[in-house]
């Protein structure tokens, strides 16, 4: 392995918020792909037993370092707030059976 552009990227977890039952988690992280790209804030919804892989977020990708708030309403509904006027690259509404809502 090695030599792929993705290998230059690294994820730095800023917070992990478990769902009410603890079976899922929302992981908020910054992904940095080197000096030529800026920081961005990403969210992945994962099983509680899954480790965050060195990939982009499966739920939300925003430009810049954004202090998001994560609030689970149930194991099948989560709200992500604090997006403000950030540029959105990806904004999923349903991920891994979880309904995702957004607030500013």
PDB file of N, CA and C in Angstrom:
ATOM      1  N   UNK A   1       0.842  -1.188   0.000  1.00  0.00           N
ATOM      2  CA  UNK A   1       0.000   0.000   0.000  1.00  0.00           C
ATOM      3  C   UNK A   1       0.880   1.242   0.000  1.00  0.00           C
ATOM      4  N   UNK A   2       0.246   2.389  -0.017  1.00  0.00           N
ATOM      5  CA  UNK A   2       1.005   3.624  -0.001  1.00  0.00           C
ATOM      6  C   UNK A   2       1.037   4.242  -1.377  1.00  0.00           C
ATOM      7  N   UNK A   3       1.379   5.517  -1.399  1.00  0.00           N
ATOM      8  CA  UNK A   3       1.492   6.210  -2.662  1.00  0.00           C
ATOM      9  C   UNK A   3       0.204   6.851  -3.128  1.00  0.00           C
ATOM     10  N   UNK A   4      -0.915   6.530  -2.521  1.00  0.00           N
ATOM     11  CA  UNK A   4      -2.182   7.144  -2.910  1.00  0.00           C
ATOM     12  C   UNK A   4      -2.334   8.496  -2.231  1.00  0.00           C
ATOM     13  N   UNK A   5      -2.990   9.446  -2.896  1.00  0.00           N
ATOM     14  CA  UNK A   5      -3.159  10.772  -2.297  1.00  0.00           C
ATOM     15  C   UNK A   5      -3.831  10.728  -0.927  1.00  0.00           C
ATOM     16  N   UNK A   6      -4.746   9.797  -0.701  1.00  0.00           N
ATOM     17  CA  UNK A   6      -5.432   9.694   0.578  1.00  0.00           C
ATOM     18  C   UNK A   6      -4.500   9.409   1.737  1.00  0.00           C
ATOM     19  N   UNK A   7      -3.340   8.829   1.445  1.00  0.00           N
ATOM     20  CA  UNK A   7      -2.387   8.525   2.503  1.00  0.00           C
ATOM     21  C   UNK A   7      -1.789   9.788   3.115  1.00  0.00           C
ATOM     22  N   UNK A   8      -1.910  10.902   2.423  1.00  0.00           N
ATOM     23  CA  UNK A   8      -1.380  12.165   2.922  1.00  0.00           C
ATOM     24  C   UNK A   8      -2.326  12.799   3.941  1.00  0.00           C
ATOM     25  N   UNK A   9      -3.530  12.265   4.054  1.00  0.00           N
ATOM     26  CA  UNK A   9      -4.548  12.853   4.918  1.00  0.00           C
ATOM     27  C   UNK A   9      -4.503  12.237   6.305  1.00  0.00           C
ATOM     28  N   UNK A  10      -4.939  13.023   7.263  1.00  0.00           N
ATOM     29  CA  UNK A  10      -5.049  12.525   8.619  1.00  0.00           C
ATOM     30  C   UNK A  10      -6.287  13.088   9.280  1.00  0.00           C
ATOM     31  N   UNK A  11      -6.893  12.295  10.148  1.00  0.00           N
ATOM     32  CA  UNK A  11      -8.080  12.717  10.878  1.00  0.00           C
ATOM     33  C   UNK A  11      -7.720  12.981  12.336  1.00  0.00           C
ATOM     34  N   UNK A  12      -8.235  14.077  12.873  1.00  0.00           N
ATOM     35  CA  UNK A  12      -8.045  14.410  14.276  1.00  0.00           C
ATOM     36  C   UNK A  12      -9.430  14.554  14.905  1.00  0.00           C
ATOM     37  N   UNK A  13      -9.780  13.618  15.776  1.00  0.00           N
ATOM     38  CA  UNK A  13     -11.114  13.605  16.379  1.00  0.00           C
ATOM     39  C   UNK A  13     -11.229  14.733  17.401  1.00  0.00           C
ATOM     40  N   UNK A  14     -12.306  15.523  17.274  1.00  0.00           N
ATOM     41  CA  UNK A  14     -12.543  16.582  18.248  1.00  0.00           C
ATOM     42  C   UNK A  14     -13.590  16.190  19.269  1.00  0.00           C
ATOM     43  N   UNK A  15     -14.555  15.358  18.869  1.00  0.00           N
ATOM     44  CA  UNK A  15     -15.518  14.849  19.848  1.00  0.00           C
ATOM     45  C   UNK A  15     -16.198  13.604  19.321  1.00  0.00           C
ATOM     46  N   UNK A  16     -16.600  12.754  20.253  1.00  0.00           N
ATOM     47  CA  UNK A  16     -17.384  11.561  19.946  1.00  0.00           C
ATOM     48  C   UNK A  16     -18.594  11.583  20.865  1.00  0.00           C
ATOM     49  N   UNK A  17     -19.796  11.493  20.274  1.00  0.00           N
ATOM     50  CA  UNK A  17     -21.032  11.543  21.046  1.00  0.00           C
ATOM     51  C   UNK A  17     -21.806  10.263  20.781  1.00  0.00           C
ATOM     52  N   UNK A  18     -22.055   9.500  21.853  1.00  0.00           N
ATOM     53  CA  UNK A  18     -22.773   8.230  21.737  1.00  0.00           C
ATOM     54  C   UNK A  18     -24.269   8.449  21.668  1.00  0.00           C
ATOM     55  N   UNK A  19     -24.951   7.554  20.945  1.00  0.00           N
ATOM     56  CA  UNK A  19     -26.412   7.571  20.888  1.00  0.00           C
ATOM     57  C   UNK A  19     -26.954   7.141  22.256  1.00  0.00           C
ATOM     58  N   UNK A  20     -28.255   7.364  22.513  1.00  0.00           N
ATOM     59  CA  UNK A  20     -28.824   7.035  23.829  1.00  0.00           C
ATOM     60  C   UNK A  20     -28.564   5.606  24.302  1.00  0.00           C
ATOM     61  N   UNK A  21     -28.657   4.629  23.423  1.00  0.00           N
ATOM     62  CA  UNK A  21     -28.423   3.237  23.837  1.00  0.00           C
ATOM     63  C   UNK A  21     -26.940   2.877  23.842  1.00  0.00           C
ATOM     64  N   UNK A  22     -26.129   3.754  23.229  1.00  0.00           N
ATOM     65  CA  UNK A  22     -24.701   3.466  23.135  1.00  0.00           C
ATOM     66  C   UNK A  22     -24.335   2.579  21.971  1.00  0.00           C
ATOM     67  N   UNK A  23     -25.297   2.259  21.096  1.00  0.00           N
ATOM     68  CA  UNK A  23     -25.012   1.358  19.978  1.00  0.00           C
ATOM     69  C   UNK A  23     -24.363   2.076  18.794  1.00  0.00           C
ATOM     70  N   UNK A  24     -24.553   3.395  18.718  1.00  0.00           N
ATOM     71  CA  UNK A  24     -23.982   4.196  17.635  1.00  0.00           C
ATOM     72  C   UNK A  24     -23.200   5.361  18.229  1.00  0.00           C
ATOM     73  N   UNK A  25     -22.420   5.988  17.368  1.00  0.00           N
ATOM     74  CA  UNK A  25     -21.713   7.199  17.789  1.00  0.00           C
ATOM     75  C   UNK A  25     -21.593   8.142  16.608  1.00  0.00           C
ATOM     76  N   UNK A  26     -21.610   9.420  16.930  1.00  0.00           N
ATOM     77  CA  UNK A  26     -21.313  10.448  15.933  1.00  0.00           C
ATOM     78  C   UNK A  26     -19.915  10.970  16.258  1.00  0.00           C
ATOM     79  N   UNK A  27     -19.039  10.885  15.277  1.00  0.00           N
ATOM     80  CA  UNK A  27     -17.657  11.310  15.464  1.00  0.00           C
ATOM     81  C   UNK A  27     -17.433  12.596  14.672  1.00  0.00           C
ATOM     82  N   UNK A  28     -17.057  13.666  15.384  1.00  0.00           N
ATOM     83  CA  UNK A  28     -16.735  14.942  14.747  1.00  0.00           C
ATOM     84  C   UNK A  28     -15.216  15.023  14.672  1.00  0.00           C
ATOM     85  N   UNK A  29     -14.706  15.315  13.473  1.00  0.00           N
ATOM     86  CA  UNK A  29     -13.255  15.343  13.329  1.00  0.00           C
ATOM     87  C   UNK A  29     -12.831  16.360  12.281  1.00  0.00           C
ATOM     88  N   UNK A  30     -11.585  16.771  12.395  1.00  0.00           N
ATOM     89  CA  UNK A  30     -10.963  17.628  11.396  1.00  0.00           C
ATOM     90  C   UNK A  30     -10.109  16.736  10.514  1.00  0.00           C
ATOM     91  N   UNK A  31     -10.210  16.952   9.215  1.00  0.00           N
ATOM     92  CA  UNK A  31      -9.418  16.171   8.259  1.00  0.00           C
ATOM     93  C   UNK A  31      -8.462  17.124   7.565  1.00  0.00           C
ATOM     94  N   UNK A  32      -7.197  16.781   7.633  1.00  0.00           N
ATOM     95  CA  UNK A  32      -6.163  17.621   7.046  1.00  0.00           C
ATOM     96  C   UNK A  32      -5.411  16.794   6.012  1.00  0.00           C
ATOM     97  N   UNK A  33      -5.346  17.331   4.803  1.00  0.00           N
ATOM     98  CA  UNK A  33      -4.660  16.607   3.723  1.00  0.00           C
ATOM     99  C   UNK A  33      -3.402  17.331   3.263  1.00  0.00           C
ATOM    100  N   UNK A  34      -2.713  17.983   4.180  1.00  0.00           N
ATOM    101  CA  UNK A  34      -1.445  18.605   3.836  1.00  0.00           C
ATOM    102  C   UNK A  34      -1.535  20.111   3.692  1.00  0.00           C
ATOM    103  N   UNK A  35      -0.398  20.701   3.403  1.00  0.00           N
ATOM    104  CA  UNK A  35      -0.266  22.160   3.398  1.00  0.00           C
ATOM    105  C   UNK A  35      -1.070  22.845   2.299  1.00  0.00           C
ATOM    106  N   UNK A  36      -1.393  22.125   1.233  1.00  0.00           N
ATOM    107  CA  UNK A  36      -2.083  22.778   0.114  1.00  0.00           C
ATOM    108  C   UNK A  36      -3.595  22.844   0.308  1.00  0.00           C
ATOM    109  N   UNK A  37      -4.103  22.182   1.338  1.00  0.00           N
ATOM    110  CA  UNK A  37      -5.542  22.229   1.596  1.00  0.00           C
ATOM    111  C   UNK A  37      -5.786  22.739   3.004  1.00  0.00           C
ATOM    112  N   UNK A  38      -6.893  23.416   3.199  1.00  0.00           N
ATOM    113  CA  UNK A  38      -7.225  23.927   4.516  1.00  0.00           C
ATOM    114  C   UNK A  38      -7.903  22.861   5.359  1.00  0.00           C
ATOM    115  N   UNK A  39      -8.075  23.191   6.625  1.00  0.00           N
ATOM    116  CA  UNK A  39      -8.800  22.293   7.519  1.00  0.00           C
ATOM    117  C   UNK A  39     -10.264  22.245   7.126  1.00  0.00           C
ATOM    118  N   UNK A  40     -10.890  21.135   7.418  1.00  0.00           N
ATOM    119  CA  UNK A  40     -12.332  21.050   7.278  1.00  0.00           C
ATOM    120  C   UNK A  40     -12.874  20.208   8.421  1.00  0.00           C
ATOM    121  N   UNK A  41     -14.145  20.396   8.703  1.00  0.00           N
ATOM    122  CA  UNK A  41     -14.813  19.693   9.793  1.00  0.00           C
ATOM    123  C   UNK A  41     -15.726  18.640   9.192  1.00  0.00           C
ATOM    124  N   UNK A  42     -15.647  17.421   9.714  1.00  0.00           N
ATOM    125  CA  UNK A  42     -16.409  16.321   9.149  1.00  0.00           C
ATOM    126  C   UNK A  42     -17.077  15.519  10.258  1.00  0.00           C
ATOM    127  N   UNK A  43     -18.158  14.837   9.886  1.00  0.00           N
ATOM    128  CA  UNK A  43     -18.889  13.995  10.834  1.00  0.00           C
ATOM    129  C   UNK A  43     -19.153  12.646  10.183  1.00  0.00           C
ATOM    130  N   UNK A  44     -18.924  11.594  10.949  1.00  0.00           N
ATOM    131  CA  UNK A  44     -19.299  10.246  10.532  1.00  0.00           C
ATOM    132  C   UNK A  44     -20.164   9.624  11.608  1.00  0.00           C
ATOM    133  N   UNK A  45     -21.208   8.928  11.187  1.00  0.00           N
ATOM    134  CA  UNK A  45     -22.012   8.130  12.097  1.00  0.00           C
ATOM    135  C   UNK A  45     -21.566   6.690  11.927  1.00  0.00           C
ATOM    136  N   UNK A  46     -21.177   6.090  13.045  1.00  0.00           N
ATOM    137  CA  UNK A  46     -20.597   4.753  13.029  1.00  0.00           C
ATOM    138  C   UNK A  46     -21.227   3.891  14.116  1.00  0.00           C
ATOM    139  N   UNK A  47     -21.078   2.580  13.959  1.00  0.00           N
ATOM    140  CA  UNK A  47     -21.402   1.673  15.047  1.00  0.00           C
ATOM    141  C   UNK A  47     -20.445   1.970  16.194  1.00  0.00           C
ATOM    142  N   UNK A  48     -20.913   1.787  17.423  1.00  0.00           N
ATOM    143  CA  UNK A  48     -20.081   2.095  18.585  1.00  0.00           C
ATOM    144  C   UNK A  48     -18.777   1.309  18.592  1.00  0.00           C
ATOM    145  N   UNK A  49     -18.776   0.150  17.948  1.00  0.00           N
ATOM    146  CA  UNK A  49     -17.577  -0.700  17.963  1.00  0.00           C
ATOM    147  C   UNK A  49     -16.626  -0.408  16.806  1.00  0.00           C
ATOM    148  N   UNK A  50     -17.040   0.435  15.866  1.00  0.00           N
ATOM    149  CA  UNK A  50     -16.195   0.743  14.708  1.00  0.00           C
ATOM    150  C   UNK A  50     -15.219   1.869  15.017  1.00  0.00           C
ATOM    151  N   UNK A  51     -14.000   1.716  14.558  1.00  0.00           N
ATOM    152  CA  UNK A  51     -13.016   2.789  14.669  1.00  0.00           C
ATOM    153  C   UNK A  51     -13.157   3.710  13.462  1.00  0.00           C
ATOM    154  N   UNK A  52     -12.862   4.985  13.658  1.00  0.00           N
ATOM    155  CA  UNK A  52     -12.864   5.935  12.549  1.00  0.00           C
ATOM    156  C   UNK A  52     -11.715   5.592  11.616  1.00  0.00           C
ATOM    157  N   UNK A  53     -12.043   5.348  10.364  1.00  0.00           N
ATOM    158  CA  UNK A  53     -11.030   5.039   9.364  1.00  0.00           C
ATOM    159  C   UNK A  53     -10.428   6.334   8.816  1.00  0.00           C
ATOM    160  N   UNK A  54      -9.346   6.204   8.089  1.00  0.00           N
ATOM    161  CA  UNK A  54      -8.712   7.385   7.484  1.00  0.00           C
ATOM    162  C   UNK A  54      -9.430   7.714   6.177  1.00  0.00           C
ATOM    163  N   UNK A  55     -10.692   8.101   6.318  1.00  0.00           N
ATOM    164  CA  UNK A  55     -11.545   8.445   5.187  1.00  0.00           C
ATOM    165  C   UNK A  55     -12.275   9.734   5.515  1.00  0.00           C
ATOM    166  N   UNK A  56     -12.963  10.269   4.511  1.00  0.00           N
ATOM    167  CA  UNK A  56     -13.791  11.435   4.729  1.00  0.00           C
ATOM    168  C   UNK A  56     -15.053  11.068   5.494  1.00  0.00           C
ATOM    169  N   UNK A  57     -15.728  12.081   6.023  1.00  0.00           N
ATOM    170  CA  UNK A  57     -16.947  11.875   6.781  1.00  0.00           C
ATOM    171  C   UNK A  57     -18.059  11.285   5.935  1.00  0.00           C
ATOM    172  N   UNK A  58     -18.866  10.414   6.539  1.00  0.00           N
ATOM    173  CA  UNK A  58     -19.973   9.799   5.802  1.00  0.00           C
ATOM    174  C   UNK A  58     -21.275  10.586   5.958  1.00  0.00           C
ATOM    175  N   UNK A  59     -21.254  11.643   6.793  1.00  0.00           N
ATOM    176  CA  UNK A  59     -22.474  12.383   7.079  1.00  0.00           C
ATOM    177  C   UNK A  59     -22.387  13.844   6.686  1.00  0.00           C
ATOM    178  N   UNK A  60     -21.331  14.527   7.126  1.00  0.00           N
ATOM    179  CA  UNK A  60     -21.217  15.972   6.917  1.00  0.00           C
ATOM    180  C   UNK A  60     -19.767  16.352   6.667  1.00  0.00           C
ATOM    181  N   UNK A  61     -19.557  17.246   5.697  1.00  0.00           N
ATOM    182  CA  UNK A  61     -18.227  17.804   5.446  1.00  0.00           C
ATOM    183  C   UNK A  61     -18.390  19.305   5.244  1.00  0.00           C
ATOM    184  N   UNK A  62     -17.705  20.089   6.088  1.00  0.00           N
ATOM    185  CA  UNK A  62     -17.768  21.549   6.038  1.00  0.00           C
ATOM    186  C   UNK A  62     -16.377  22.123   5.844  1.00  0.00           C
ATOM    187  N   UNK A  63     -16.304  23.270   5.196  1.00  0.00           N
ATOM    188  CA  UNK A  63     -15.049  23.983   5.033  1.00  0.00           C
ATOM    189  C   UNK A  63     -14.720  24.702   6.333  1.00  0.00           C
ATOM    190  N   UNK A  64     -13.491  24.607   6.762  1.00  0.00           N
ATOM    191  CA  UNK A  64     -13.047  25.317   7.957  1.00  0.00           C
ATOM    192  C   UNK A  64     -13.188  24.480   9.219  1.00  0.00           C
ATOM    193  N   UNK A  65     -12.700  25.026  10.313  1.00  0.00           N
ATOM    194  CA  UNK A  65     -12.780  24.364  11.605  1.00  0.00           C
ATOM    195  C   UNK A  65     -14.014  24.895  12.325  1.00  0.00           C
ATOM    196  N   UNK A  66     -15.072  24.098  12.378  1.00  0.00           N
ATOM    197  CA  UNK A  66     -16.378  24.529  12.866  1.00  0.00           C
ATOM    198  C   UNK A  66     -16.683  23.811  14.184  1.00  0.00           C
ATOM    199  N   UNK A  67     -17.038  24.565  15.246  1.00  0.00           N
ATOM    200  CA  UNK A  67     -17.372  23.934  16.529  1.00  0.00           C
ATOM    201  C   UNK A  67     -18.812  23.418  16.534  1.00  0.00           C
ATOM    202  N   UNK A  68     -19.005  22.217  16.020  1.00  0.00           N
ATOM    203  CA  UNK A  68     -20.346  21.637  15.910  1.00  0.00           C
ATOM    204  C   UNK A  68     -20.862  21.142  17.257  1.00  0.00           C
ATOM    205  N   UNK A  69     -22.185  21.164  17.390  1.00  0.00           N
ATOM    206  CA  UNK A  69     -22.837  20.534  18.521  1.00  0.00           C
ATOM    207  C   UNK A  69     -23.615  19.327  17.998  1.00  0.00           C
ATOM    208  N   UNK A  70     -23.521  18.223  18.728  1.00  0.00           N
ATOM    209  CA  UNK A  70     -24.193  16.981  18.354  1.00  0.00           C
ATOM    210  C   UNK A  70     -25.210  16.651  19.436  1.00  0.00           C
ATOM    211  N   UNK A  71     -26.460  16.429  19.024  1.00  0.00           N
ATOM    212  CA  UNK A  71     -27.494  16.050  19.983  1.00  0.00           C
ATOM    213  C   UNK A  71     -28.305  14.894  19.421  1.00  0.00           C
ATOM    214  N   UNK A  72     -28.207  13.747  20.087  1.00  0.00           N
ATOM    215  CA  UNK A  72     -29.008  12.597  19.711  1.00  0.00           C
ATOM    216  C   UNK A  72     -30.395  12.765  20.315  1.00  0.00           C
ATOM    217  N   UNK A  73     -31.452  12.594  19.515  1.00  0.00           N
ATOM    218  CA  UNK A  73     -32.828  12.611  20.011  1.00  0.00           C
ATOM    219  C   UNK A  73     -33.287  11.185  20.304  1.00  0.00           C
ATOM    220  N   UNK A  74     -32.742  10.231  19.590  1.00  0.00           N
ATOM    221  CA  UNK A  74     -32.998   8.804  19.786  1.00  0.00           C
ATOM    222  C   UNK A  74     -31.887   8.077  19.030  1.00  0.00           C
ATOM    223  N   UNK A  75     -31.928   6.744  19.058  1.00  0.00           N
ATOM    224  CA  UNK A  75     -30.915   5.991  18.314  1.00  0.00           C
ATOM    225  C   UNK A  75     -31.070   6.142  16.810  1.00  0.00           C
ATOM    226  N   UNK A  76     -32.207   6.684  16.364  1.00  0.00           N
ATOM    227  CA  UNK A  76     -32.423   6.821  14.924  1.00  0.00           C
ATOM    228  C   UNK A  76     -32.565   8.280  14.487  1.00  0.00           C
ATOM    229  N   UNK A  77     -32.219   9.226  15.378  1.00  0.00           N
ATOM    230  CA  UNK A  77     -32.322  10.649  15.019  1.00  0.00           C
ATOM    231  C   UNK A  77     -31.263  11.458  15.752  1.00  0.00           C
ATOM    232  N   UNK A  78     -30.506  12.229  14.976  1.00  0.00           N
ATOM    233  CA  UNK A  78     -29.457  13.078  15.549  1.00  0.00           C
ATOM    234  C   UNK A  78     -29.536  14.453  14.904  1.00  0.00           C
ATOM    235  N   UNK A  79     -29.208  15.488  15.677  1.00  0.00           N
ATOM    236  CA  UNK A  79     -29.166  16.845  15.134  1.00  0.00           C
ATOM    237  C   UNK A  79     -27.746  17.381  15.256  1.00  0.00           C
ATOM    238  N   UNK A  80     -27.286  17.986  14.164  1.00  0.00           N
ATOM    239  CA  UNK A  80     -25.974  18.639  14.124  1.00  0.00           C
ATOM    240  C   UNK A  80     -26.218  20.135  14.011  1.00  0.00           C
ATOM    241  N   UNK A  81     -25.693  20.899  14.966  1.00  0.00           N
ATOM    242  CA  UNK A  81     -25.908  22.346  14.992  1.00  0.00           C
ATOM    243  C   UNK A  81     -24.578  23.072  15.001  1.00  0.00           C
ATOM    244  N   UNK A  82     -24.645  24.362  14.668  1.00  0.00           N
ATOM    245  CA  UNK A  82     -23.452  25.192  14.673  1.00  0.00           C
ATOM    246  C   UNK A  82     -22.802  25.339  13.313  1.00  0.00           C
ATOM    247  N   UNK A  83     -23.530  24.960  12.245  1.00  0.00           N
ATOM    248  CA  UNK A  83     -22.963  25.048  10.902  1.00  0.00           C
ATOM    249  C   UNK A  83     -22.725  26.501  10.492  1.00  0.00           C
ATOM    250  N   UNK A  84     -23.583  27.412  10.973  1.00  0.00           N
ATOM    251  CA  UNK A  84     -23.439  28.816  10.616  1.00  0.00           C
ATOM    252  C   UNK A  84     -23.465  28.992   9.108  1.00  0.00           C
ATOM    253  N   UNK A  85     -22.548  29.785   8.602  1.00  0.00           N
ATOM    254  CA  UNK A  85     -22.495  30.050   7.159  1.00  0.00           C
ATOM    255  C   UNK A  85     -21.369  29.273   6.485  1.00  0.00           C
ATOM    256  N   UNK A  86     -20.930  28.202   7.111  1.00  0.00           N
ATOM    257  CA  UNK A  86     -19.834  27.410   6.552  1.00  0.00           C
ATOM    258  C   UNK A  86     -20.222  26.837   5.190  1.00  0.00           C
ATOM    259  N   UNK A  87     -19.245  26.754   4.306  1.00  0.00           N
ATOM    260  CA  UNK A  87     -19.462  26.127   3.008  1.00  0.00           C
ATOM    261  C   UNK A  87     -19.610  24.628   3.210  1.00  0.00           C
ATOM    262  N   UNK A  88     -20.699  24.064   2.654  1.00  0.00           N
ATOM    263  CA  UNK A  88     -21.011  22.652   2.823  1.00  0.00           C
ATOM    264  C   UNK A  88     -20.561  21.870   1.592  1.00  0.00           C
ATOM    265  N   UNK A  89     -19.744  20.837   1.797  1.00  0.00           N
ATOM    266  CA  UNK A  89     -19.314  19.958   0.714  1.00  0.00           C
ATOM    267  C   UNK A  89     -20.165  18.695   0.654  1.00  0.00           C
ATOM    268  N   UNK A  90     -20.668  18.261   1.807  1.00  0.00           N
ATOM    269  CA  UNK A  90     -21.503  17.069   1.878  1.00  0.00           C
ATOM    270  C   UNK A  90     -22.437  17.231   3.063  1.00  0.00           C
ATOM    271  N   UNK A  91     -23.715  16.880   2.875  1.00  0.00           N
ATOM    272  CA  UNK A  91     -24.698  17.018   3.943  1.00  0.00           C
ATOM    273  C   UNK A  91     -25.733  15.906   3.802  1.00  0.00           C
ATOM    274  N   UNK A  92     -25.470  14.780   4.463  1.00  0.00           N
ATOM    275  CA  UNK A  92     -26.362  13.642   4.382  1.00  0.00           C
ATOM    276  C   UNK A  92     -27.578  13.816   5.279  1.00  0.00           C
ATOM    277  N   UNK A  93     -28.717  13.322   4.827  1.00  0.00           N
ATOM    278  CA  UNK A  93     -29.964  13.399   5.598  1.00  0.00           C
ATOM    279  C   UNK A  93     -30.311  12.071   6.262  1.00  0.00           C
ATOM    280  N   UNK A  94     -29.735  10.987   5.768  1.00  0.00           N
ATOM    281  CA  UNK A  94     -29.971   9.671   6.350  1.00  0.00           C
ATOM    282  C   UNK A  94     -28.698   8.855   6.181  1.00  0.00           C
ATOM    283  N   UNK A  95     -28.124   8.433   7.303  1.00  0.00           N
ATOM    284  CA  UNK A  95     -26.863   7.700   7.272  1.00  0.00           C
ATOM    285  C   UNK A  95     -26.976   6.530   8.246  1.00  0.00           C
ATOM    286  N   UNK A  96     -26.689   5.345   7.782  1.00  0.00           N
ATOM    287  CA  UNK A  96     -26.688   4.144   8.629  1.00  0.00           C
ATOM    288  C   UNK A  96     -28.011   3.980   9.388  1.00  0.00           C
ATOM    289  N   UNK A  97     -29.121   4.320   8.740  1.00  0.00           N
ATOM    290  CA  UNK A  97     -30.415   4.182   9.360  1.00  0.00           C
ATOM    291  C   UNK A  97     -30.774   5.298  10.338  1.00  0.00           C
ATOM    292  N   UNK A  98     -29.950   6.334  10.378  1.00  0.00           N
ATOM    293  CA  UNK A  98     -30.159   7.459  11.284  1.00  0.00           C
ATOM    294  C   UNK A  98     -30.620   8.670  10.479  1.00  0.00           C
ATOM    295  N   UNK A  99     -31.703   9.295  10.911  1.00  0.00           N
ATOM    296  CA  UNK A  99     -32.184  10.529  10.307  1.00  0.00           C
ATOM    297  C   UNK A  99     -31.363  11.682  10.863  1.00  0.00           C
ATOM    298  N   UNK A 100     -30.779  12.489   9.978  1.00  0.00           N
ATOM    299  CA  UNK A 100     -29.897  13.567  10.401  1.00  0.00           C
ATOM    300  C   UNK A 100     -30.567  14.907  10.095  1.00  0.00           C
ATOM    301  N   UNK A 101     -30.684  15.764  11.114  1.00  0.00           N
ATOM    302  CA  UNK A 101     -31.219  17.104  10.911  1.00  0.00           C
ATOM    303  C   UNK A 101     -30.126  18.111  11.262  1.00  0.00           C
ATOM    304  N   UNK A 102     -30.316  19.326  10.751  1.00  0.00           N
ATOM    305  CA  UNK A 102     -29.281  20.350  10.889  1.00  0.00           C
ATOM    306  C   UNK A 102     -29.878  21.637  11.441  1.00  0.00           C
ATOM    307  N   UNK A 103     -29.096  22.330  12.255  1.00  0.00           N
ATOM    308  CA  UNK A 103     -29.478  23.636  12.770  1.00  0.00           C
ATOM    309  C   UNK A 103     -28.291  24.567  12.706  1.00  0.00           C
ATOM    310  N   UNK A 104     -28.553  25.860  12.745  1.00  0.00           N
ATOM    311  CA  UNK A 104     -27.463  26.833  12.693  1.00  0.00           C
ATOM    312  C   UNK A 104     -26.888  27.132  14.055  1.00  0.00           C
TER     313      UNK A 104
END
